[in-house]
Amino acid sequence: MKKLTTKPLIAFRSRFSFSIFLWSHPVRISLAIIILSVMQPELKSLLNMITGVEDPLNSFCVFLLVFLSCVGLPMITTFLEYRLFSYKFYEDHVAFRHSLIMTEQVKIPYKTISNIKRSANWMQRRHKLVNLQLSVKTSHLQKHEDGHILYNVPNSKALHKKLNYILKTYHHKSAA
């Protein structure tokens, strides 16, 4: 029996972009703007009451508090999660690790992957990033399902060609 190498053929990580984060979460941005426009006077008076001082800096503190709670904290957690997303392609499977709180290692054998598709919105294309979708065959009737998506990976034709080459090579070896 042939021993498989433990060193990955390709390894890469997801990349975080502040502008892609803002583009992907318009509800959070809208919520922050609504809270600031509607509740800013009440929040400022509450802050004045708590501190006991009528300070013009309280408006800035209210803005900072609302921005951090609606946008800042989710952005920081997304940044940390993307720092943990790592993808490794071995000779017979792809393995990736994700999640900030519970680190989970996922392994997908190549025999279940039918193809790899690339997709990107205009903001991802601007930052030269892409989502890779691994289409997975299910066990019953060999039906193709969406499978797993590898988010915000570097968009290079060389990487995509190499991934398809690895997949085709594996399927060719297993057919022989």
C-alpha atoms as a PDB file:
ATOM      1  CA  MET A   1       0.000   0.000   0.000  1.00  0.00           C
ATOM      2  CA  LYS A   2       1.342   3.399  -1.017  1.00  0.00           C
ATOM      3  CA  LYS A   3       1.923   5.815   1.833  1.00  0.00           C
ATOM      4  CA  LEU A   4       0.409   9.257   1.252  1.00  0.00           C
ATOM      5  CA  THR A   5       2.421  12.351   2.034  1.00  0.00           C
ATOM      6  CA  THR A   6       1.413  14.415   5.026  1.00  0.00           C
ATOM      7  CA  LYS A   7       2.653  17.642   3.493  1.00  0.00           C
ATOM      8  CA  PRO A   8      -0.132  19.524   1.664  1.00  0.00           C
ATOM      9  CA  LEU A   9       0.201  20.102  -2.073  1.00  0.00           C
ATOM     10  CA  ILE A  10      -1.424  23.537  -1.706  1.00  0.00           C
ATOM     11  CA  ALA A  11      -2.193  25.542   1.420  1.00  0.00           C
ATOM     12  CA  PHE A  12      -3.853  28.951   1.669  1.00  0.00           C
ATOM     13  CA  ARG A  13      -6.054  31.081   3.953  1.00  0.00           C
ATOM     14  CA  SER A  14      -9.116  33.251   3.632  1.00  0.00           C
ATOM     15  CA  ARG A  15      -8.390  36.965   3.456  1.00  0.00           C
ATOM     16  CA  PHE A  16     -10.252  39.673   5.341  1.00  0.00           C
ATOM     17  CA  SER A  17     -11.130  42.974   3.712  1.00  0.00           C
ATOM     18  CA  PHE A  18     -12.864  45.808   5.570  1.00  0.00           C
ATOM     19  CA  SER A  19     -14.677  47.043   2.452  1.00  0.00           C
ATOM     20  CA  ILE A  20     -15.939  43.539   1.589  1.00  0.00           C
ATOM     21  CA  PHE A  21     -17.180  43.193   5.164  1.00  0.00           C
ATOM     22  CA  LEU A  22     -19.101  46.477   4.897  1.00  0.00           C
ATOM     23  CA  TRP A  23     -20.458  45.501   1.462  1.00  0.00           C
ATOM     24  CA  SER A  24     -21.599  42.106   2.779  1.00  0.00           C
ATOM     25  CA  HIS A  25     -23.433  43.492   5.816  1.00  0.00           C
ATOM     26  CA  PRO A  26     -25.678  46.375   4.700  1.00  0.00           C
ATOM     27  CA  VAL A  27     -28.238  45.615   7.426  1.00  0.00           C
ATOM     28  CA  ARG A  28     -25.686  46.277  10.173  1.00  0.00           C
ATOM     29  CA  ILE A  29     -24.652  49.550   8.583  1.00  0.00           C
ATOM     30  CA  SER A  30     -28.287  50.596   8.091  1.00  0.00           C
ATOM     31  CA  LEU A  31     -29.093  49.659  11.688  1.00  0.00           C
ATOM     32  CA  ALA A  32     -26.193  51.730  12.990  1.00  0.00           C
ATOM     33  CA  ILE A  33     -27.302  54.749  10.936  1.00  0.00           C
ATOM     34  CA  ILE A  34     -30.923  54.405  12.101  1.00  0.00           C
ATOM     35  CA  ILE A  35     -29.926  54.074  15.748  1.00  0.00           C
ATOM     36  CA  LEU A  36     -27.627  57.072  15.457  1.00  0.00           C
ATOM     37  CA  SER A  37     -30.198  59.272  13.736  1.00  0.00           C
ATOM     38  CA  VAL A  38     -33.205  58.309  15.870  1.00  0.00           C
ATOM     39  CA  MET A  39     -31.760  57.616  19.281  1.00  0.00           C
ATOM     40  CA  GLN A  40     -28.694  59.852  19.356  1.00  0.00           C
ATOM     41  CA  PRO A  41     -30.329  62.649  21.446  1.00  0.00           C
ATOM     42  CA  GLU A  42     -31.728  60.158  23.977  1.00  0.00           C
ATOM     43  CA  LEU A  43     -28.459  58.261  24.220  1.00  0.00           C
ATOM     44  CA  LYS A  44     -26.558  61.532  24.628  1.00  0.00           C
ATOM     45  CA  SER A  45     -28.871  62.690  27.445  1.00  0.00           C
ATOM     46  CA  LEU A  46     -28.540  59.267  29.109  1.00  0.00           C
ATOM     47  CA  LEU A  47     -24.766  59.563  28.926  1.00  0.00           C
ATOM     48  CA  ASN A  48     -24.961  63.104  30.349  1.00  0.00           C
ATOM     49  CA  MET A  49     -27.071  61.775  33.218  1.00  0.00           C
ATOM     50  CA  ILE A  50     -24.654  58.907  33.909  1.00  0.00           C
ATOM     51  CA  THR A  51     -21.528  61.046  33.829  1.00  0.00           C
ATOM     52  CA  GLY A  52     -23.200  64.065  35.449  1.00  0.00           C
ATOM     53  CA  VAL A  53     -21.450  66.364  32.995  1.00  0.00           C
ATOM     54  CA  GLU A  54     -22.840  68.180  29.934  1.00  0.00           C
ATOM     55  CA  ASP A  55     -19.948  67.422  27.625  1.00  0.00           C
ATOM     56  CA  PRO A  56     -19.805  67.903  23.841  1.00  0.00           C
ATOM     57  CA  LEU A  57     -17.665  64.757  23.699  1.00  0.00           C
ATOM     58  CA  ASN A  58     -20.708  62.711  24.743  1.00  0.00           C
ATOM     59  CA  SER A  59     -22.015  62.859  21.140  1.00  0.00           C
ATOM     60  CA  PHE A  60     -18.771  61.305  19.946  1.00  0.00           C
ATOM     61  CA  CYS A  61     -18.962  58.668  22.698  1.00  0.00           C
ATOM     62  CA  VAL A  62     -22.523  57.776  21.634  1.00  0.00           C
ATOM     63  CA  PHE A  63     -21.413  57.485  17.996  1.00  0.00           C
ATOM     64  CA  LEU A  64     -18.470  55.308  18.996  1.00  0.00           C
ATOM     65  CA  LEU A  65     -20.630  53.072  21.208  1.00  0.00           C
ATOM     66  CA  VAL A  66     -23.253  52.503  18.502  1.00  0.00           C
ATOM     67  CA  PHE A  67     -20.660  51.948  15.776  1.00  0.00           C
ATOM     68  CA  LEU A  68     -18.695  49.467  17.873  1.00  0.00           C
ATOM     69  CA  SER A  69     -21.772  47.488  18.898  1.00  0.00           C
ATOM     70  CA  CYS A  70     -23.334  47.335  15.408  1.00  0.00           C
ATOM     71  CA  VAL A  71     -20.263  47.146  13.178  1.00  0.00           C
ATOM     72  CA  GLY A  72     -17.022  46.986  15.171  1.00  0.00           C
ATOM     73  CA  LEU A  73     -17.536  43.827  17.222  1.00  0.00           C
ATOM     74  CA  PRO A  74     -18.944  41.749  14.329  1.00  0.00           C
ATOM     75  CA  MET A  75     -16.095  43.004  12.146  1.00  0.00           C
ATOM     76  CA  ILE A  76     -13.483  41.972  14.717  1.00  0.00           C
ATOM     77  CA  THR A  77     -14.977  38.487  15.106  1.00  0.00           C
ATOM     78  CA  THR A  78     -15.123  38.088  11.309  1.00  0.00           C
ATOM     79  CA  PHE A  79     -11.498  39.214  11.058  1.00  0.00           C
ATOM     80  CA  LEU A  80     -10.432  36.668  13.688  1.00  0.00           C
ATOM     81  CA  GLU A  81     -12.428  33.877  12.036  1.00  0.00           C
ATOM     82  CA  TYR A  82     -10.868  34.617   8.654  1.00  0.00           C
ATOM     83  CA  ARG A  83      -7.430  34.472  10.267  1.00  0.00           C
ATOM     84  CA  LEU A  84      -8.309  30.931  11.393  1.00  0.00           C
ATOM     85  CA  PHE A  85      -9.753  29.694   8.064  1.00  0.00           C
ATOM     86  CA  SER A  86      -7.058  27.577   6.455  1.00  0.00           C
ATOM     87  CA  TYR A  87      -7.396  25.268   3.481  1.00  0.00           C
ATOM     88  CA  LYS A  88      -4.999  22.442   2.641  1.00  0.00           C
ATOM     89  CA  PHE A  89      -5.170  20.215  -0.414  1.00  0.00           C
ATOM     90  CA  TYR A  90      -3.475  16.850   0.012  1.00  0.00           C
ATOM     91  CA  GLU A  91      -3.060  13.973  -2.475  1.00  0.00           C
ATOM     92  CA  ASP A  92      -6.388  12.348  -1.603  1.00  0.00           C
ATOM     93  CA  HIS A  93      -8.462  14.937   0.307  1.00  0.00           C
ATOM     94  CA  VAL A  94      -8.993  18.574   1.125  1.00  0.00           C
ATOM     95  CA  ALA A  95      -8.912  19.644   4.760  1.00  0.00           C
ATOM     96  CA  PHE A  96      -9.969  22.953   6.177  1.00  0.00           C
ATOM     97  CA  ARG A  97     -10.218  24.430   9.615  1.00  0.00           C
ATOM     98  CA  HIS A  98     -12.687  27.098  10.568  1.00  0.00           C
ATOM     99  CA  SER A  99     -14.662  28.695  13.403  1.00  0.00           C
ATOM    100  CA  LEU A 100     -13.496  31.064  16.079  1.00  0.00           C
ATOM    101  CA  ILE A 101     -15.104  29.499  19.141  1.00  0.00           C
ATOM    102  CA  MET A 102     -15.068  25.796  18.284  1.00  0.00           C
ATOM    103  CA  THR A 103     -12.190  24.859  16.021  1.00  0.00           C
ATOM    104  CA  GLU A 104     -13.437  22.262  13.585  1.00  0.00           C
ATOM    105  CA  GLN A 105     -11.331  20.270  11.132  1.00  0.00           C
ATOM    106  CA  VAL A 106     -13.262  19.180   8.034  1.00  0.00           C
ATOM    107  CA  LYS A 107     -11.871  16.589   5.604  1.00  0.00           C
ATOM    108  CA  ILE A 108     -13.454  15.958   2.218  1.00  0.00           C
ATOM    109  CA  PRO A 109     -12.119  13.091   0.100  1.00  0.00           C
ATOM    110  CA  TYR A 110     -11.600  13.949  -3.562  1.00  0.00           C
ATOM    111  CA  LYS A 111     -13.778  11.026  -4.613  1.00  0.00           C
ATOM    112  CA  THR A 112     -16.808  13.002  -3.381  1.00  0.00           C
ATOM    113  CA  ILE A 113     -15.826  16.289  -5.084  1.00  0.00           C
ATOM    114  CA  SER A 114     -17.143  16.558  -8.642  1.00  0.00           C
ATOM    115  CA  ASN A 115     -15.825  20.014  -9.532  1.00  0.00           C
ATOM    116  CA  ILE A 116     -14.652  23.369  -8.214  1.00  0.00           C
ATOM    117  CA  LYS A 117     -16.503  26.542  -9.170  1.00  0.00           C
ATOM    118  CA  ARG A 118     -15.366  30.121  -8.654  1.00  0.00           C
ATOM    119  CA  SER A 119     -17.721  32.993  -7.879  1.00  0.00           C
ATOM    120  CA  ALA A 120     -17.176  36.558  -6.756  1.00  0.00           C
ATOM    121  CA  ASN A 121     -19.160  39.737  -6.356  1.00  0.00           C
ATOM    122  CA  TRP A 122     -17.788  42.990  -7.754  1.00  0.00           C
ATOM    123  CA  MET A 123     -16.190  43.958  -4.437  1.00  0.00           C
ATOM    124  CA  GLN A 124     -14.345  40.634  -4.216  1.00  0.00           C
ATOM    125  CA  ARG A 125     -13.127  41.032  -7.807  1.00  0.00           C
ATOM    126  CA  ARG A 126     -11.839  44.507  -6.917  1.00  0.00           C
ATOM    127  CA  HIS A 127      -9.769  42.970  -4.087  1.00  0.00           C
ATOM    128  CA  LYS A 128      -8.739  39.947  -6.209  1.00  0.00           C
ATOM    129  CA  LEU A 129     -10.604  37.471  -3.993  1.00  0.00           C
ATOM    130  CA  VAL A 130     -13.017  34.698  -4.884  1.00  0.00           C
ATOM    131  CA  ASN A 131     -15.262  32.104  -3.245  1.00  0.00           C
ATOM    132  CA  LEU A 132     -14.473  28.528  -4.242  1.00  0.00           C
ATOM    133  CA  GLN A 133     -17.417  26.150  -4.220  1.00  0.00           C
ATOM    134  CA  LEU A 134     -16.598  22.464  -3.883  1.00  0.00           C
ATOM    135  CA  SER A 135     -19.485  20.557  -5.482  1.00  0.00           C
ATOM    136  CA  VAL A 136     -19.931  17.310  -3.590  1.00  0.00           C
ATOM    137  CA  LYS A 137     -21.582  14.077  -4.781  1.00  0.00           C
ATOM    138  CA  THR A 138     -24.016  12.563  -2.313  1.00  0.00           C
ATOM    139  CA  SER A 139     -24.112   8.819  -1.805  1.00  0.00           C
ATOM    140  CA  HIS A 140     -27.603   8.235  -3.169  1.00  0.00           C
ATOM    141  CA  LEU A 141     -27.972   8.469  -6.969  1.00  0.00           C
ATOM    142  CA  GLN A 142     -24.661  10.364  -7.259  1.00  0.00           C
ATOM    143  CA  LYS A 143     -26.620  13.630  -7.081  1.00  0.00           C
ATOM    144  CA  HIS A 144     -24.471  16.786  -7.023  1.00  0.00           C
ATOM    145  CA  GLU A 145     -24.982  19.231  -4.196  1.00  0.00           C
ATOM    146  CA  ASP A 146     -23.422  22.600  -3.445  1.00  0.00           C
ATOM    147  CA  GLY A 147     -21.010  21.173  -0.894  1.00  0.00           C
ATOM    148  CA  HIS A 148     -18.627  23.535   0.843  1.00  0.00           C
ATOM    149  CA  ILE A 149     -17.671  27.111   0.074  1.00  0.00           C
ATOM    150  CA  LEU A 150     -14.182  28.406   0.741  1.00  0.00           C
ATOM    151  CA  TYR A 151     -14.660  32.141   1.301  1.00  0.00           C
ATOM    152  CA  ASN A 152     -12.419  35.013   0.170  1.00  0.00           C
ATOM    153  CA  VAL A 153      -9.469  33.046  -1.142  1.00  0.00           C
ATOM    154  CA  PRO A 154      -6.891  34.622  -3.462  1.00  0.00           C
ATOM    155  CA  ASN A 155      -8.256  34.770  -7.004  1.00  0.00           C
ATOM    156  CA  SER A 156      -5.533  33.515  -9.243  1.00  0.00           C
ATOM    157  CA  LYS A 157      -5.967  31.466 -12.377  1.00  0.00           C
ATOM    158  CA  ALA A 158      -2.838  29.516 -11.454  1.00  0.00           C
ATOM    159  CA  LEU A 159      -4.395  28.441  -8.129  1.00  0.00           C
ATOM    160  CA  HIS A 160      -7.656  27.436  -9.822  1.00  0.00           C
ATOM    161  CA  LYS A 161      -5.783  25.482 -12.520  1.00  0.00           C
ATOM    162  CA  LYS A 162      -3.662  23.714  -9.915  1.00  0.00           C
ATOM    163  CA  LEU A 163      -6.738  22.754  -7.862  1.00  0.00           C
ATOM    164  CA  ASN A 164      -8.494  21.382 -10.942  1.00  0.00           C
ATOM    165  CA  TYR A 165      -5.302  19.532 -11.920  1.00  0.00           C
ATOM    166  CA  ILE A 166      -5.082  17.913  -8.474  1.00  0.00           C
ATOM    167  CA  LEU A 167      -8.740  16.899  -8.679  1.00  0.00           C
ATOM    168  CA  LYS A 168      -8.419  15.495 -12.240  1.00  0.00           C
ATOM    169  CA  THR A 169      -5.196  13.676 -11.360  1.00  0.00           C
ATOM    170  CA  TYR A 170      -6.858  12.014  -8.379  1.00  0.00           C
ATOM    171  CA  HIS A 171      -9.930  10.981 -10.400  1.00  0.00           C
ATOM    172  CA  HIS A 172      -7.678   9.661 -13.187  1.00  0.00           C
ATOM    173  CA  LYS A 173      -5.575   7.634 -10.713  1.00  0.00           C
ATOM    174  CA  SER A 174      -8.647   6.201  -8.997  1.00  0.00           C
ATOM    175  CA  ALA A 175     -10.229   5.230 -12.342  1.00  0.00           C
ATOM    176  CA  ALA A 176      -7.113   3.341 -13.419  1.00  0.00           C
END
